[in-house]
Amino acid sequence: MTGTVDMDLHPGVEVVCLGESMVTFLPSLPGRLADVPSFARTIGGAESNVACALAAAGHTVKWVSRVGADGFGDHLLDAIAAYGVDTSGVRRDPDRPTGIYFRTATDRATDAHEVAYYRAGSAASAMAPGTLSYDDLWAGRVLHVSGITAALSDDCLALMRELTAPAPGRPLISFDVNHRPGLWRDGSGARVLLDLARGADLVFVGEDEAAEAWDLHGGDAIRAALPEPATLVVKRGGAGATVYERGGAGAGSGAGGMEGGAGAVGGAAGVAGAGGGDTVTSVPALRVEVVAPVGAGDAFAAGFLSATLRGLPAAARLRHGHLMAAATLTVPEDLGTPPSRAEADRLVGLDEATWGTLRLGPGWTAATEQEVRTP
């Protein structure tokens, strides 16, 4: 796949996001789930997180899924639509429930973190070829999906295989690997996710999950195993992120750009030629006062996609990803409020030294330009 988008074939919304969203219950106090006295209700789901973040950033977005014909399904539709997301492609299932989950307040990277999912047999797990309209799925310039959907059921996996298969006129396929070992009870997840990623045009994968799933260590090894996507984004945690682009596809060409490009970010990235004709661009992460890490990867994908839709160069796309992730890292929920486009562009345009001195904490996206300071 080349990643080139035919604008005449996709004149509708900018991005369609397909996947399960669940009602999320956040604890009122730290501690074990057994000890938490009460929970606050919010929403969570990798693909709907991306949809909401993109809509909040000013893009036209449609979310496609299935939810139960229940109160939780009502809440999801209302909450996601409130971000400005088109939910007309969501089907209601009278026989299956909307998924829900509970989590502790502690960092999911520690042994103290607990998550209790109630999603088996959910309405979303019944997504299958033929149950969703291609008028919805191919309505956008980009179709964003993730590996979580493939793990929900055999029918969902069949749908994901169909969507990532070569097809004339399909939109650009954006795929976030999102390896969740606990969802793959038969141990097939690593192989399946690699196959699906090979069918996508733009792939997001964490260095840590590639090591866990595929025993691949470092961006170059991941790229060697995934040569097919025109654009590969490797997230390296606190170290930053790296994008590999075939043939130097940058702003205005292929998967890298859609609107004709923009000014380069001076000194924001190291760029070098890679094997197989790739251009490789790396941008360091921001220093962030983390409140909760949940949803940061989805926010990064949204920031990168937003900048891609605007035709920005590689370094700017990575910086927008880091900024959107920082907006989520500094709130307890799965979704943060992104900075205004003007403020994001201002920060993305900082020189490399100043970018490296930024410190972002809770409330930074609502701060004035003077309040977002460097030390």
Protein backbone atom coordinates (compact mmCIF):
# COMPACT_ATOMS: atom_id res chain seq x y z
CA MET A 1 0.00 0.00 0.00
CA THR A 2 1.31 3.46 -0.82
CA GLY A 3 -0.66 5.50 1.68
CA THR A 4 -1.76 7.94 -1.01
CA VAL A 5 -5.27 9.30 -0.45
CA ASP A 6 -7.56 10.04 -3.40
CA MET A 7 -9.47 13.09 -2.19
CA ASP A 8 -12.19 12.66 -4.84
CA LEU A 9 -13.02 9.21 -3.46
CA HIS A 10 -13.25 10.40 0.15
CA PRO A 11 -14.97 13.79 0.22
CA GLY A 12 -16.67 13.30 3.60
CA VAL A 13 -15.26 13.49 7.11
CA GLU A 14 -11.53 13.61 7.68
CA VAL A 15 -11.18 10.55 9.95
CA VAL A 16 -13.32 7.53 10.77
CA CYS A 17 -12.43 5.65 13.96
CA LEU A 18 -13.65 2.07 14.41
CA GLY A 19 -13.58 0.28 17.75
CA GLU A 20 -15.17 -0.48 21.10
CA SER A 21 -15.74 2.23 23.67
CA MET A 22 -16.67 1.39 27.26
CA VAL A 23 -18.07 3.22 30.22
CA THR A 24 -15.16 3.66 32.61
CA PHE A 25 -15.39 3.92 36.38
CA LEU A 26 -12.59 5.88 38.06
CA PRO A 27 -11.99 5.50 41.81
CA SER A 28 -12.73 8.29 44.24
CA LEU A 29 -9.64 7.36 46.28
CA PRO A 30 -6.35 5.49 45.71
CA GLY A 31 -6.22 1.87 46.79
CA ARG A 32 -7.32 -1.61 45.85
CA LEU A 33 -10.56 -2.04 43.96
CA ALA A 34 -11.79 -4.00 46.96
CA ASP A 35 -11.35 -0.92 49.16
CA VAL A 36 -12.48 1.94 46.90
CA PRO A 37 -15.81 3.26 48.27
CA SER A 38 -17.13 4.92 45.11
CA PHE A 39 -16.38 5.60 41.46
CA ALA A 40 -16.93 8.41 38.99
CA ARG A 41 -18.30 7.53 35.56
CA THR A 42 -16.45 8.53 32.39
CA ILE A 43 -15.70 6.95 29.00
CA GLY A 44 -12.77 5.05 27.58
CA GLY A 45 -11.79 3.24 24.41
CA ALA A 46 -8.68 3.56 22.27
CA GLU A 47 -10.37 4.47 19.01
CA SER A 48 -13.07 6.72 20.48
CA ASN A 49 -10.32 8.47 22.47
CA VAL A 50 -8.64 9.27 19.15
CA ALA A 51 -11.95 10.40 17.67
CA CYS A 52 -12.73 12.73 20.58
CA ALA A 53 -9.23 14.22 20.64
CA LEU A 54 -9.31 14.89 16.89
CA ALA A 55 -12.75 16.48 17.12
CA ALA A 56 -11.60 18.65 20.03
CA ALA A 57 -8.69 19.75 17.82
CA GLY A 58 -11.11 20.95 15.15
CA HIS A 59 -11.32 17.97 12.77
CA THR A 60 -14.42 16.29 11.34
CA VAL A 61 -14.57 12.77 12.75
CA LYS A 62 -16.97 9.82 12.72
CA TRP A 63 -16.94 6.99 15.26
CA VAL A 64 -18.22 3.60 14.07
CA SER A 65 -19.01 0.84 16.57
CA ARG A 66 -21.76 -1.12 18.30
CA VAL A 67 -23.15 -0.46 21.78
CA GLY A 68 -25.95 -2.02 23.77
CA ALA A 69 -29.49 -0.70 23.76
CA ASP A 70 -28.97 0.23 27.40
CA GLY A 71 -28.26 3.25 29.56
CA PHE A 72 -24.50 2.84 29.29
CA GLY A 73 -24.82 2.85 25.51
CA ASP A 74 -26.87 6.04 25.77
CA HIS A 75 -24.15 7.62 27.91
CA LEU A 76 -21.37 6.68 25.49
CA LEU A 77 -23.20 8.11 22.51
CA ASP A 78 -24.04 11.33 24.34
CA ALA A 79 -20.54 11.79 25.76
CA ILE A 80 -18.71 11.13 22.51
CA ALA A 81 -21.12 13.24 20.47
CA ALA A 82 -20.53 16.08 22.93
CA TYR A 83 -16.96 16.31 21.63
CA GLY A 84 -18.33 16.97 18.15
CA VAL A 85 -17.90 13.39 16.88
CA ASP A 86 -20.45 12.04 14.37
CA THR A 87 -21.97 8.92 15.99
CA SER A 88 -24.46 8.12 13.22
CA GLY A 89 -22.41 5.04 12.29
CA VAL A 90 -22.90 3.40 15.71
CA ARG A 91 -25.33 0.49 15.78
CA ARG A 92 -27.43 -0.42 18.85
CA ASP A 93 -27.60 -4.08 19.86
CA PRO A 94 -30.76 -5.13 21.73
CA ASP A 95 -29.26 -8.45 22.85
CA ARG A 96 -25.75 -7.59 24.03
CA PRO A 97 -24.59 -5.11 26.67
CA THR A 98 -22.29 -2.12 26.45
CA GLY A 99 -18.86 -2.95 27.88
CA ILE A 100 -17.74 -1.38 31.16
CA TYR A 101 -14.58 -1.43 33.22
CA PHE A 102 -13.21 -0.29 36.56
CA ARG A 103 -9.64 0.72 37.33
CA THR A 104 -7.58 1.85 40.28
CA ALA A 105 -6.02 5.30 40.57
CA THR A 106 -2.46 4.02 40.68
CA ASP A 107 -0.07 3.86 37.74
CA ARG A 108 -0.83 0.91 35.47
CA ALA A 109 2.91 0.24 35.17
CA THR A 110 3.01 -0.92 38.82
CA ASP A 111 1.82 -4.13 40.42
CA ALA A 112 -0.68 -2.09 42.43
CA HIS A 113 -2.67 -1.17 39.33
CA GLU A 114 -5.88 -3.11 38.82
CA VAL A 115 -8.35 -3.16 35.93
CA ALA A 116 -11.58 -5.15 35.97
CA TYR A 117 -13.16 -5.49 32.51
CA TYR A 118 -16.76 -6.50 31.90
CA ARG A 119 -16.70 -6.66 28.11
CA ALA A 120 -17.01 -10.36 27.23
CA GLY A 121 -19.99 -10.79 24.93
CA SER A 122 -20.36 -7.03 24.56
CA ALA A 123 -22.22 -5.41 21.68
CA ALA A 124 -18.92 -4.34 20.14
CA SER A 125 -17.61 -7.91 20.13
CA ALA A 126 -20.34 -8.73 17.61
CA MET A 127 -18.83 -6.44 14.96
CA ALA A 128 -18.20 -8.56 11.87
CA PRO A 129 -17.96 -8.29 8.09
CA GLY A 130 -21.36 -7.29 6.81
CA THR A 131 -22.62 -5.81 10.11
CA LEU A 132 -21.23 -2.33 9.47
CA SER A 133 -21.74 -0.12 6.45
CA TYR A 134 -18.84 0.71 4.16
CA ASP A 135 -20.61 4.01 3.57
CA ASP A 136 -19.59 4.72 7.17
CA LEU A 137 -16.24 2.91 7.28
CA TRP A 138 -14.91 4.50 4.10
CA ALA A 139 -16.49 7.90 4.65
CA GLY A 140 -13.22 9.56 5.65
CA ARG A 141 -9.79 10.31 4.27
CA VAL A 142 -8.37 8.11 7.07
CA LEU A 143 -9.75 4.99 8.77
CA HIS A 144 -8.15 4.58 12.21
CA VAL A 145 -8.27 1.15 13.88
CA SER A 146 -6.33 -0.72 16.53
CA GLY A 147 -5.29 -4.21 17.52
CA ILE A 148 -7.72 -4.20 20.43
CA THR A 149 -10.66 -4.72 18.07
CA ALA A 150 -9.04 -7.80 16.56
CA ALA A 151 -8.81 -9.38 20.02
CA LEU A 152 -12.49 -9.00 20.92
CA SER A 153 -13.84 -11.99 18.94
CA ASP A 154 -13.29 -14.10 15.86
CA ASP A 155 -15.85 -11.96 14.04
CA CYS A 156 -13.98 -8.78 14.96
CA LEU A 157 -10.74 -10.32 13.74
CA ALA A 158 -12.39 -11.22 10.43
CA LEU A 159 -13.55 -7.62 10.10
CA MET A 160 -10.04 -6.31 10.79
CA ARG A 161 -8.53 -8.67 8.23
CA GLU A 162 -11.04 -7.42 5.67
CA LEU A 163 -10.35 -3.74 6.42
CA THR A 164 -6.56 -4.10 6.20
CA ALA A 165 -6.63 -6.12 2.98
CA PRO A 166 -5.71 -4.36 -0.28
CA ALA A 167 -8.78 -2.84 -1.93
CA PRO A 168 -9.17 -0.20 -4.64
CA GLY A 169 -10.27 3.16 -3.30
CA ARG A 170 -9.88 2.35 0.38
CA PRO A 171 -8.95 5.26 2.67
CA LEU A 172 -5.55 5.52 4.31
CA ILE A 173 -5.50 2.85 7.03
CA SER A 174 -4.04 4.04 10.33
CA PHE A 175 -3.33 1.15 12.73
CA ASP A 176 -2.29 1.38 16.37
CA VAL A 177 -0.88 -2.00 17.42
CA ASN A 178 -2.19 -1.69 21.01
CA HIS A 179 -0.96 -5.10 22.11
CA ARG A 180 -3.06 -6.28 25.07
CA PRO A 181 -1.83 -9.79 25.98
CA GLY A 182 -4.71 -10.41 28.38
CA LEU A 183 -7.24 -10.16 25.56
CA TRP A 184 -5.56 -12.89 23.50
CA ARG A 185 -6.41 -16.04 25.38
CA ASP A 186 -4.97 -18.38 22.72
CA GLY A 187 -1.61 -16.60 22.54
CA SER A 188 -2.03 -15.73 18.86
CA GLY A 189 -2.03 -11.98 19.36
CA ALA A 190 1.57 -11.22 18.46
CA ARG A 191 1.40 -12.98 15.09
CA VAL A 192 -2.03 -11.58 14.24
CA LEU A 193 -1.05 -8.01 15.07
CA LEU A 194 2.07 -8.22 12.93
CA ASP A 195 -0.02 -9.46 9.98
CA LEU A 196 -2.57 -6.67 10.42
CA ALA A 197 0.12 -4.01 10.73
CA ARG A 198 1.61 -5.15 7.42
CA GLY A 199 -1.67 -4.33 5.71
CA ALA A 200 -1.86 -0.78 7.05
CA ASP A 201 -0.48 2.45 5.58
CA LEU A 202 0.38 4.21 8.86
CA VAL A 203 1.33 2.17 11.95
CA PHE A 204 1.83 3.27 15.57
CA VAL A 205 3.71 0.91 17.89
CA GLY A 206 5.46 1.28 21.22
CA GLU A 207 9.05 0.14 21.52
CA ASP A 208 8.08 -1.73 24.69
CA GLU A 209 5.13 -3.56 23.14
CA ALA A 210 7.20 -4.55 20.09
CA ALA A 211 9.76 -6.07 22.45
CA GLU A 212 7.07 -7.92 24.37
CA ALA A 213 5.03 -9.10 21.40
CA TRP A 214 7.68 -9.72 18.75
CA ASP A 215 11.01 -9.77 20.60
CA LEU A 216 12.07 -6.82 18.46
CA HIS A 217 14.33 -4.26 20.10
CA GLY A 218 14.77 -0.76 18.76
CA GLY A 219 13.16 1.14 15.92
CA ASP A 220 15.38 -0.21 13.17
CA ALA A 221 14.54 -3.81 14.08
CA ILE A 222 10.83 -2.99 14.14
CA ARG A 223 11.06 -1.33 10.74
CA ALA A 224 12.91 -4.32 9.31
CA ALA A 225 10.01 -6.55 10.42
CA LEU A 226 7.42 -4.06 9.15
CA PRO A 227 8.65 -2.78 5.78
CA GLU A 228 5.20 -2.59 4.19
CA PRO A 229 3.57 0.49 5.81
CA ALA A 230 4.52 3.74 4.13
CA THR A 231 4.82 5.34 7.57
CA LEU A 232 5.86 3.67 10.82
CA VAL A 233 5.81 5.59 14.11
CA VAL A 234 7.78 4.03 16.97
CA LYS A 235 6.92 5.46 20.38
CA ARG A 236 9.89 5.33 22.76
CA GLY A 237 8.27 6.39 26.01
CA GLY A 238 10.14 9.15 27.82
CA ALA A 239 12.83 9.14 25.14
CA GLY A 240 10.47 10.45 22.45
CA ALA A 241 9.26 9.02 19.15
CA THR A 242 10.67 8.16 15.72
CA VAL A 243 8.92 8.08 12.36
CA TYR A 244 10.15 5.98 9.43
CA GLU A 245 8.85 7.07 6.03
CA ARG A 246 9.38 5.17 2.83
CA GLY A 247 10.98 7.18 0.06
CA GLY A 248 11.15 10.29 2.22
CA ALA A 249 7.37 10.70 2.09
CA GLY A 250 6.90 13.99 3.86
CA ALA A 251 4.35 16.76 3.89
CA GLY A 252 2.22 16.70 0.79
CA SER A 253 3.05 13.17 -0.36
CA GLY A 254 1.90 9.68 0.56
CA ALA A 255 0.97 8.89 4.14
CA GLY A 256 3.05 11.74 5.42
CA GLY A 257 0.97 14.65 4.19
CA MET A 258 -2.44 15.49 2.83
CA GLU A 259 -2.64 19.21 2.38
CA GLY A 260 0.53 20.27 0.64
CA GLY A 261 2.98 20.81 3.46
CA ALA A 262 4.01 23.56 5.82
CA GLY A 263 7.12 25.17 7.21
CA ALA A 264 9.72 22.92 8.77
CA VAL A 265 10.39 22.85 12.49
CA GLY A 266 13.89 24.15 12.83
CA GLY A 267 16.23 21.86 14.70
CA ALA A 268 13.44 19.79 16.23
CA ALA A 269 14.56 16.42 14.93
CA GLY A 270 17.45 14.37 13.79
CA VAL A 271 16.89 13.19 10.21
CA ALA A 272 18.93 10.58 8.39
CA GLY A 273 18.55 8.21 5.49
CA ALA A 274 17.71 4.63 6.43
CA GLY A 275 17.91 1.32 4.68
CA GLY A 276 15.30 0.70 2.01
CA GLY A 277 14.98 4.36 1.14
CA ASP A 278 13.39 5.45 4.43
CA THR A 279 13.70 8.90 5.91
CA VAL A 280 13.96 8.67 9.70
CA THR A 281 12.96 11.54 11.99
CA SER A 282 13.15 11.55 15.78
CA VAL A 283 11.79 14.08 18.29
CA PRO A 284 12.39 13.95 22.06
CA ALA A 285 9.46 13.71 24.43
CA LEU A 286 8.33 16.58 26.61
CA ARG A 287 8.88 16.70 30.35
CA VAL A 288 5.45 16.21 31.86
CA GLU A 289 4.08 16.04 35.40
CA VAL A 290 2.13 12.80 34.94
CA VAL A 291 -1.23 12.47 36.69
CA ALA A 292 -2.26 9.24 34.91
CA PRO A 293 -0.75 7.53 31.87
CA VAL A 294 -3.98 5.98 30.57
CA GLY A 295 -4.91 7.16 27.08
CA ALA A 296 -1.61 8.88 26.31
CA GLY A 297 -0.87 6.62 23.35
CA ASP A 298 -4.28 7.34 21.85
CA ALA A 299 -3.71 11.07 22.32
CA PHE A 300 -0.31 10.82 20.64
CA ALA A 301 -1.90 9.11 17.64
CA ALA A 302 -4.54 11.84 17.48
CA GLY A 303 -1.92 14.59 17.53
CA PHE A 304 0.13 12.90 14.83
CA LEU A 305 -2.96 12.33 12.66
CA SER A 306 -4.09 15.92 13.15
CA ALA A 307 -0.77 17.22 11.89
CA THR A 308 -0.79 14.68 9.05
CA LEU A 309 -4.19 15.91 7.91
CA ARG A 310 -2.76 19.42 7.85
CA GLY A 311 0.19 18.34 5.71
CA LEU A 312 2.85 19.20 8.30
CA PRO A 313 6.41 17.84 8.09
CA ALA A 314 7.56 14.84 10.09
CA ALA A 315 9.09 16.68 13.05
CA ALA A 316 5.96 18.79 13.49
CA ARG A 317 3.75 15.70 13.35
CA LEU A 318 5.76 14.08 16.13
CA ARG A 319 5.71 17.26 18.23
CA HIS A 320 1.94 17.55 17.87
CA GLY A 321 1.72 13.93 19.02
CA HIS A 322 3.80 14.71 22.11
CA LEU A 323 1.70 17.78 22.93
CA MET A 324 -1.59 15.91 22.62
CA ALA A 325 -0.18 13.11 24.80
CA ALA A 326 0.88 15.69 27.40
CA ALA A 327 -2.69 16.99 27.53
CA THR A 328 -3.89 13.51 28.54
CA LEU A 329 -0.99 12.66 30.83
CA THR A 330 -1.82 15.66 33.02
CA VAL A 331 -5.44 14.64 33.77
CA PRO A 332 -6.85 11.58 35.60
CA GLU A 333 -9.27 10.64 32.78
CA ASP A 334 -8.55 8.89 29.47
CA LEU A 335 -9.14 12.17 27.61
CA GLY A 336 -7.52 15.55 28.10
CA THR A 337 -8.42 18.92 26.63
CA PRO A 338 -5.89 19.69 23.89
CA PRO A 339 -4.29 23.11 23.58
CA SER A 340 -5.78 25.44 21.01
CA ARG A 341 -4.44 24.94 17.50
CA ALA A 342 -2.72 28.32 17.65
CA GLU A 343 -1.01 27.48 20.95
CA ALA A 344 -0.02 24.01 19.74
CA ASP A 345 1.47 25.49 16.58
CA ARG A 346 3.36 28.06 18.66
CA LEU A 347 4.89 25.36 20.85
CA VAL A 348 5.63 23.09 17.89
CA GLY A 349 7.51 25.99 16.28
CA LEU A 350 9.92 26.44 19.19
CA ASP A 351 13.61 25.88 18.54
CA GLU A 352 15.10 22.61 19.73
CA ALA A 353 16.71 24.05 22.86
CA THR A 354 13.51 25.76 24.01
CA TRP A 355 11.40 22.67 23.27
CA GLY A 356 13.74 20.72 25.53
CA THR A 357 13.15 23.10 28.44
CA LEU A 358 9.34 22.94 28.44
CA ARG A 359 7.75 21.59 31.63
CA LEU A 360 4.03 20.82 31.43
CA GLY A 361 1.77 20.09 34.40
CA PRO A 362 -1.96 19.91 35.18
CA GLY A 363 -3.90 22.78 33.64
CA TRP A 364 -1.24 23.68 31.09
CA THR A 365 -3.60 23.53 28.11
CA ALA A 366 -5.74 26.32 29.61
CA ALA A 367 -2.72 28.50 30.44
CA THR A 368 -1.91 31.65 28.55
CA GLU A 369 1.18 31.89 26.38
CA GLN A 370 2.98 33.71 29.17
CA GLU A 371 2.07 30.99 31.67
CA VAL A 372 3.49 28.13 29.58
CA ARG A 373 7.04 29.02 30.45
CA THR A 374 10.45 27.54 30.27
CA PRO A 375 12.66 27.55 33.40
